[in-house]
Amino acid sequence: MTVYLLQTINGIGIGMLYFLLAVGLSIVFGLLRFVNFAHGAFYLLGAYLCFQAMQWGLDFWAALVLVPLFVGALAWLAEKLLLRRVYAKAHEFHILVTVGLALAVQEIVIVFWGPLGNSVATPDLLQGVVMWGSFIYPKYRLFVIGFTAVLAVLLWWVLEGTRLGSAVRAGSESTEMVSLLGMNVFRIFSLVFGLGAALAAMAGVLAAPIRGAEPFMGIEALAVAFVVVVVGGLGSFSGALLGGLLIGVVQSVMSTLWPEGARLMIYVAMGAVLLLRPAGLLGRKE
């Protein structure tokens, strides 16, 4: 029983990282109706820039703050200079441009850091384990769960309790209405896109001490993020959280019951949800 409890808690930690990955993708699609296949590249950059920052002598905590801000700024610039030009075009153009951007980022990572992975040290403060009787769990993974839970509450407040959040929620229903209210829709688009990229980069920073940094982790992250978004419901913040937790727990528990099929069960869970609720667990029917 302790093994399954441990795997369930592991799944919650993984699921919260999946939530950080997916929530930006979900909000961007809900607001812009834009298919962003470059989202995994921001996660990849987060992990590698965390590694590089620590190579330069910065500690993990500085990287946790600075890297998401830097990646968010890069994404904001890419949105203004490149992606904004294809918003009005068909989804095929969205896919071509964002896949090209993702491949370019991946190749730049390989040129600068090589084709092999790099390990990232766990911060000194969070090394070791916490013991409750016979239950033993790594401190760092507990930190990830707690930190992402606090961040989820903060994001919920931003979306539900601020003017920006009201504009984002209104824009997901009708961008024309937001424009008529005198708001700069393109400025909101840029901010939301940068925020989504920053959250993906933060997920990369948090994941780096657990799994390291390797050039193809962005592709894997993108696939999982789309699964979480589909399971939770497109454009839904709560759906991204619920979907991330569900997929994380399924993957973690199945890695004990059926290690070879743990990754497969993610897609089985997605198929089961779509059969019961085609719009996702908390998605709206179009």
Protein backbone atom coordinates (compact mmCIF):
# COMPACT_ATOMS: atom_id res chain seq x y z
CA MET A 1 0.00 0.00 0.00
CA THR A 2 2.90 2.37 0.75
CA VAL A 3 4.18 1.88 -2.81
CA TYR A 4 0.85 2.98 -4.30
CA LEU A 5 0.61 5.93 -1.92
CA LEU A 6 4.13 6.95 -2.94
CA GLN A 7 3.26 6.65 -6.61
CA THR A 8 0.05 8.62 -6.14
CA ILE A 9 1.97 11.47 -4.51
CA ASN A 10 4.55 11.23 -7.30
CA GLY A 11 1.67 11.46 -9.74
CA ILE A 12 0.36 14.61 -8.06
CA GLY A 13 3.80 16.20 -8.37
CA ILE A 14 4.11 15.21 -12.03
CA GLY A 15 0.53 16.30 -12.62
CA MET A 16 1.20 19.77 -11.22
CA LEU A 17 4.12 20.14 -13.65
CA TYR A 18 1.82 19.00 -16.45
CA PHE A 19 -0.67 21.63 -15.27
CA LEU A 20 1.96 24.38 -15.58
CA LEU A 21 2.77 23.11 -19.06
CA ALA A 22 -0.82 22.86 -20.20
CA VAL A 23 -2.49 25.89 -18.64
CA GLY A 24 -0.66 28.36 -20.86
CA LEU A 25 -1.45 26.29 -23.95
CA SER A 26 -5.10 26.07 -22.91
CA ILE A 27 -5.50 29.78 -22.22
CA VAL A 28 -3.75 30.76 -25.47
CA PHE A 29 -6.05 28.48 -27.47
CA GLY A 30 -9.12 29.67 -25.57
CA LEU A 31 -8.31 33.33 -26.22
CA LEU A 32 -6.62 33.29 -29.63
CA ARG A 33 -7.94 30.02 -31.13
CA PHE A 34 -4.26 29.60 -32.00
CA VAL A 35 -2.64 26.14 -32.23
CA ASN A 36 0.81 26.61 -30.67
CA PHE A 37 3.12 23.70 -31.43
CA ALA A 38 6.09 25.72 -30.14
CA HIS A 39 4.88 25.46 -26.54
CA GLY A 40 7.15 22.53 -25.72
CA ALA A 41 10.15 24.56 -26.90
CA PHE A 42 9.58 27.04 -24.04
CA TYR A 43 9.69 24.13 -21.58
CA LEU A 44 12.92 22.96 -23.23
CA LEU A 45 14.45 26.43 -22.96
CA GLY A 46 13.45 26.65 -19.30
CA ALA A 47 15.34 23.46 -18.44
CA TYR A 48 18.48 24.38 -20.41
CA LEU A 49 18.62 27.98 -19.24
CA CYS A 50 18.31 26.70 -15.66
CA PHE A 51 21.29 24.42 -16.33
CA GLN A 52 23.26 27.29 -17.90
CA ALA A 53 22.43 29.71 -15.11
CA MET A 54 23.78 27.26 -12.55
CA GLN A 55 26.91 26.76 -14.69
CA TRP A 56 27.44 30.51 -14.49
CA GLY A 57 27.30 30.39 -10.70
CA LEU A 58 23.70 31.43 -10.08
CA ASP A 59 21.70 29.28 -7.68
CA PHE A 60 18.49 27.41 -8.46
CA TRP A 61 16.30 30.04 -6.80
CA ALA A 62 17.63 32.80 -9.05
CA ALA A 63 17.04 30.59 -12.08
CA LEU A 64 13.48 29.88 -10.94
CA VAL A 65 12.73 33.61 -11.07
CA LEU A 66 14.89 34.84 -13.96
CA VAL A 67 14.50 32.05 -16.51
CA PRO A 68 10.66 32.22 -16.81
CA LEU A 69 10.85 36.01 -17.10
CA PHE A 70 13.47 35.75 -19.87
CA VAL A 71 11.60 33.04 -21.80
CA GLY A 72 8.32 34.92 -21.39
CA ALA A 73 9.97 38.03 -22.85
CA LEU A 74 11.33 36.01 -25.80
CA ALA A 75 7.86 34.56 -26.43
CA TRP A 76 6.29 38.02 -26.21
CA LEU A 77 8.77 39.24 -28.84
CA ALA A 78 8.16 36.21 -31.09
CA GLU A 79 4.42 36.78 -30.86
CA LYS A 80 4.71 40.42 -31.88
CA LEU A 81 7.19 39.89 -34.72
CA LEU A 82 6.14 36.53 -36.14
CA LEU A 83 3.06 34.78 -34.81
CA ARG A 84 0.72 37.77 -34.95
CA ARG A 85 1.05 37.74 -38.76
CA VAL A 86 -0.66 34.34 -39.04
CA TYR A 87 -3.52 34.67 -36.49
CA ALA A 88 -6.10 35.33 -39.18
CA LYS A 89 -4.93 32.50 -41.40
CA ALA A 90 -6.01 28.86 -41.35
CA HIS A 91 -4.83 26.51 -38.61
CA GLU A 92 -2.44 24.86 -41.09
CA PHE A 93 -0.38 28.08 -41.10
CA HIS A 94 -0.37 28.11 -37.28
CA ILE A 95 1.00 24.57 -37.28
CA LEU A 96 3.68 25.24 -39.91
CA VAL A 97 4.99 28.40 -38.24
CA THR A 98 4.99 27.08 -34.68
CA VAL A 99 6.47 23.68 -35.62
CA GLY A 100 9.21 25.54 -37.50
CA LEU A 101 9.86 27.72 -34.45
CA ALA A 102 10.01 24.65 -32.19
CA LEU A 103 12.47 22.87 -34.49
CA ALA A 104 14.63 25.99 -34.70
CA VAL A 105 14.78 26.24 -30.89
CA GLN A 106 15.62 22.53 -30.60
CA GLU A 107 18.47 22.81 -33.11
CA ILE A 108 19.84 25.92 -31.38
CA VAL A 109 19.85 23.98 -28.10
CA ILE A 110 21.79 21.14 -29.75
CA VAL A 111 24.31 23.58 -31.26
CA PHE A 112 24.97 25.34 -27.93
CA TRP A 113 24.68 22.46 -25.45
CA GLY A 114 25.22 19.34 -27.55
CA PRO A 115 22.99 16.36 -28.38
CA LEU A 116 23.40 14.66 -25.00
CA GLY A 117 21.50 15.48 -21.83
CA ASN A 118 22.84 17.39 -18.83
CA SER A 119 22.01 16.83 -15.17
CA VAL A 120 20.91 19.67 -12.90
CA ALA A 121 21.68 19.50 -9.19
CA THR A 122 18.91 19.65 -6.62
CA PRO A 123 19.24 22.83 -4.50
CA ASP A 124 21.08 22.22 -1.23
CA LEU A 125 18.11 23.31 0.87
CA LEU A 126 15.90 20.60 -0.66
CA GLN A 127 18.29 17.66 -0.74
CA GLY A 128 17.41 14.59 1.29
CA VAL A 129 14.08 13.10 2.29
CA VAL A 130 11.20 13.69 4.68
CA MET A 131 10.22 10.77 6.91
CA TRP A 132 6.79 10.11 8.46
CA GLY A 133 7.04 6.74 10.16
CA SER A 134 7.62 4.23 7.38
CA PHE A 135 6.80 6.78 4.66
CA ILE A 136 9.84 8.39 3.01
CA TYR A 137 9.61 11.04 0.31
CA PRO A 138 12.16 13.41 -1.35
CA LYS A 139 12.07 16.99 -0.09
CA TYR A 140 12.40 18.44 -3.57
CA ARG A 141 9.33 16.66 -4.92
CA LEU A 142 7.30 17.89 -1.94
CA PHE A 143 8.51 21.40 -2.71
CA VAL A 144 7.36 21.03 -6.33
CA ILE A 145 3.87 20.02 -5.19
CA GLY A 146 3.60 22.87 -2.68
CA PHE A 147 5.09 25.53 -4.96
CA THR A 148 2.91 24.66 -7.94
CA ALA A 149 -0.19 24.53 -5.72
CA VAL A 150 0.52 28.09 -4.52
CA LEU A 151 1.18 29.17 -8.10
CA ALA A 152 -2.12 27.62 -9.22
CA VAL A 153 -4.00 29.66 -6.59
CA LEU A 154 -2.19 32.81 -7.73
CA LEU A 155 -3.04 32.13 -11.37
CA TRP A 156 -6.67 31.51 -10.44
CA TRP A 157 -6.76 34.88 -8.70
CA VAL A 158 -5.20 36.62 -11.72
CA LEU A 159 -7.81 35.10 -14.04
CA GLU A 160 -10.79 35.56 -11.73
CA GLY A 161 -9.97 38.66 -9.69
CA THR A 162 -8.09 41.10 -11.92
CA ARG A 163 -8.95 43.30 -14.89
CA LEU A 164 -6.54 41.33 -17.08
CA GLY A 165 -8.26 38.10 -16.11
CA SER A 166 -11.66 39.57 -16.92
CA ALA A 167 -10.40 40.66 -20.32
CA VAL A 168 -8.94 37.20 -20.99
CA ARG A 169 -12.18 35.47 -20.00
CA ALA A 170 -14.23 37.91 -22.05
CA GLY A 171 -11.87 37.54 -24.99
CA SER A 172 -12.24 33.79 -24.95
CA GLU A 173 -15.95 34.36 -25.59
CA SER A 174 -15.73 37.23 -28.08
CA THR A 175 -12.64 39.23 -29.07
CA GLU A 176 -14.88 41.70 -30.90
CA MET A 177 -16.66 42.56 -27.64
CA VAL A 178 -13.35 43.25 -25.89
CA SER A 179 -12.29 45.54 -28.74
CA LEU A 180 -15.57 47.46 -28.51
CA LEU A 181 -14.91 48.05 -24.81
CA GLY A 182 -11.80 50.01 -25.79
CA MET A 183 -9.18 47.42 -24.83
CA ASN A 184 -6.13 46.72 -26.95
CA VAL A 185 -6.79 43.12 -27.94
CA PHE A 186 -3.35 42.57 -29.44
CA ARG A 187 -1.66 43.77 -26.25
CA ILE A 188 -3.74 41.25 -24.27
CA PHE A 189 -2.82 38.55 -26.78
CA SER A 190 0.90 39.30 -26.34
CA LEU A 191 0.69 39.31 -22.54
CA VAL A 192 -1.22 36.01 -22.44
CA PHE A 193 1.18 34.37 -24.90
CA GLY A 194 4.19 35.53 -22.87
CA LEU A 195 2.57 34.35 -19.63
CA GLY A 196 1.89 30.92 -21.10
CA ALA A 197 5.50 30.61 -22.27
CA ALA A 198 6.80 31.75 -18.87
CA LEU A 199 4.72 29.07 -17.13
CA ALA A 200 6.05 26.40 -19.51
CA ALA A 201 9.61 27.59 -18.83
CA MET A 202 8.95 27.46 -15.08
CA ALA A 203 7.80 23.87 -15.49
CA GLY A 204 11.09 23.19 -17.28
CA VAL A 205 13.11 24.75 -14.46
CA LEU A 206 11.23 22.72 -11.84
CA ALA A 207 11.58 19.51 -13.86
CA ALA A 208 15.32 19.94 -14.51
CA PRO A 209 16.56 18.61 -11.12
CA ILE A 210 14.20 15.63 -11.49
CA ARG A 211 14.90 14.56 -15.07
CA GLY A 212 17.78 16.77 -16.25
CA ALA A 213 17.85 18.72 -19.50
CA GLU A 214 17.97 16.96 -22.88
CA PRO A 215 17.28 18.26 -26.40
CA PHE A 216 14.14 16.26 -27.17
CA MET A 217 12.24 16.84 -23.94
CA GLY A 218 10.21 19.61 -25.61
CA ILE A 219 8.54 17.15 -28.02
CA GLU A 220 7.55 14.87 -25.15
CA ALA A 221 6.27 17.81 -23.13
CA LEU A 222 4.19 19.11 -26.04
CA ALA A 223 2.48 15.73 -26.51
CA VAL A 224 1.61 15.53 -22.80
CA ALA A 225 0.42 19.15 -22.73
CA PHE A 226 -2.01 18.51 -25.59
CA VAL A 227 -3.32 15.39 -23.84
CA VAL A 228 -3.91 17.38 -20.64
CA VAL A 229 -5.65 20.19 -22.53
CA VAL A 230 -7.91 17.76 -24.39
CA VAL A 231 -8.75 15.84 -21.20
CA GLY A 232 -9.43 18.97 -19.15
CA GLY A 233 -11.20 20.94 -21.87
CA LEU A 234 -9.91 23.58 -24.26
CA GLY A 235 -9.63 27.03 -22.71
CA SER A 236 -10.41 25.87 -19.16
CA PHE A 237 -8.04 26.76 -16.29
CA SER A 238 -9.72 24.31 -13.90
CA GLY A 239 -9.73 21.70 -16.65
CA ALA A 240 -5.98 22.04 -17.12
CA LEU A 241 -5.47 21.51 -13.38
CA LEU A 242 -7.80 18.51 -13.19
CA GLY A 243 -6.46 17.03 -16.42
CA GLY A 244 -2.84 17.43 -15.31
CA LEU A 245 -3.50 15.71 -11.98
CA LEU A 246 -5.45 12.88 -13.63
CA ILE A 247 -2.80 12.20 -16.27
CA GLY A 248 0.04 12.49 -13.75
CA VAL A 249 -1.53 10.00 -11.33
CA VAL A 250 -2.45 7.56 -14.11
CA GLN A 251 1.09 7.61 -15.48
CA SER A 252 2.74 7.28 -12.07
CA VAL A 253 0.54 4.46 -10.76
CA MET A 254 0.73 2.55 -14.04
CA SER A 255 4.54 2.76 -13.94
CA THR A 256 4.27 0.37 -10.96
CA LEU A 257 1.51 -1.88 -12.32
CA TRP A 258 2.66 -1.99 -15.95
CA PRO A 259 5.97 -0.09 -16.51
CA GLU A 260 6.08 -0.75 -20.25
CA GLY A 261 2.59 0.64 -20.78
CA ALA A 262 2.66 3.65 -18.46
CA ARG A 263 3.04 6.11 -21.34
CA LEU A 264 0.40 4.31 -23.37
CA MET A 265 -2.12 4.61 -20.53
CA ILE A 266 -2.00 8.41 -20.80
CA TYR A 267 -3.62 8.14 -24.22
CA VAL A 268 -6.00 5.41 -23.07
CA ALA A 269 -7.18 7.77 -20.30
CA MET A 270 -7.61 10.54 -22.86
CA GLY A 271 -9.65 8.26 -25.13
CA ALA A 272 -11.88 7.20 -22.22
CA VAL A 273 -12.56 10.82 -21.25
CA LEU A 274 -13.38 11.78 -24.85
CA LEU A 275 -15.82 8.88 -25.15
CA LEU A 276 -17.69 10.07 -22.05
CA ARG A 277 -17.24 13.84 -22.47
CA PRO A 278 -16.14 14.88 -25.99
CA ALA A 279 -15.55 18.48 -24.85
CA GLY A 280 -13.26 17.37 -21.99
CA LEU A 281 -13.93 17.13 -18.29
CA LEU A 282 -14.58 20.86 -17.80
CA GLY A 283 -14.68 22.09 -21.38
CA ARG A 284 -17.51 24.03 -22.97
CA LYS A 285 -19.37 22.69 -25.98
CA GLU A 286 -18.79 24.92 -28.98
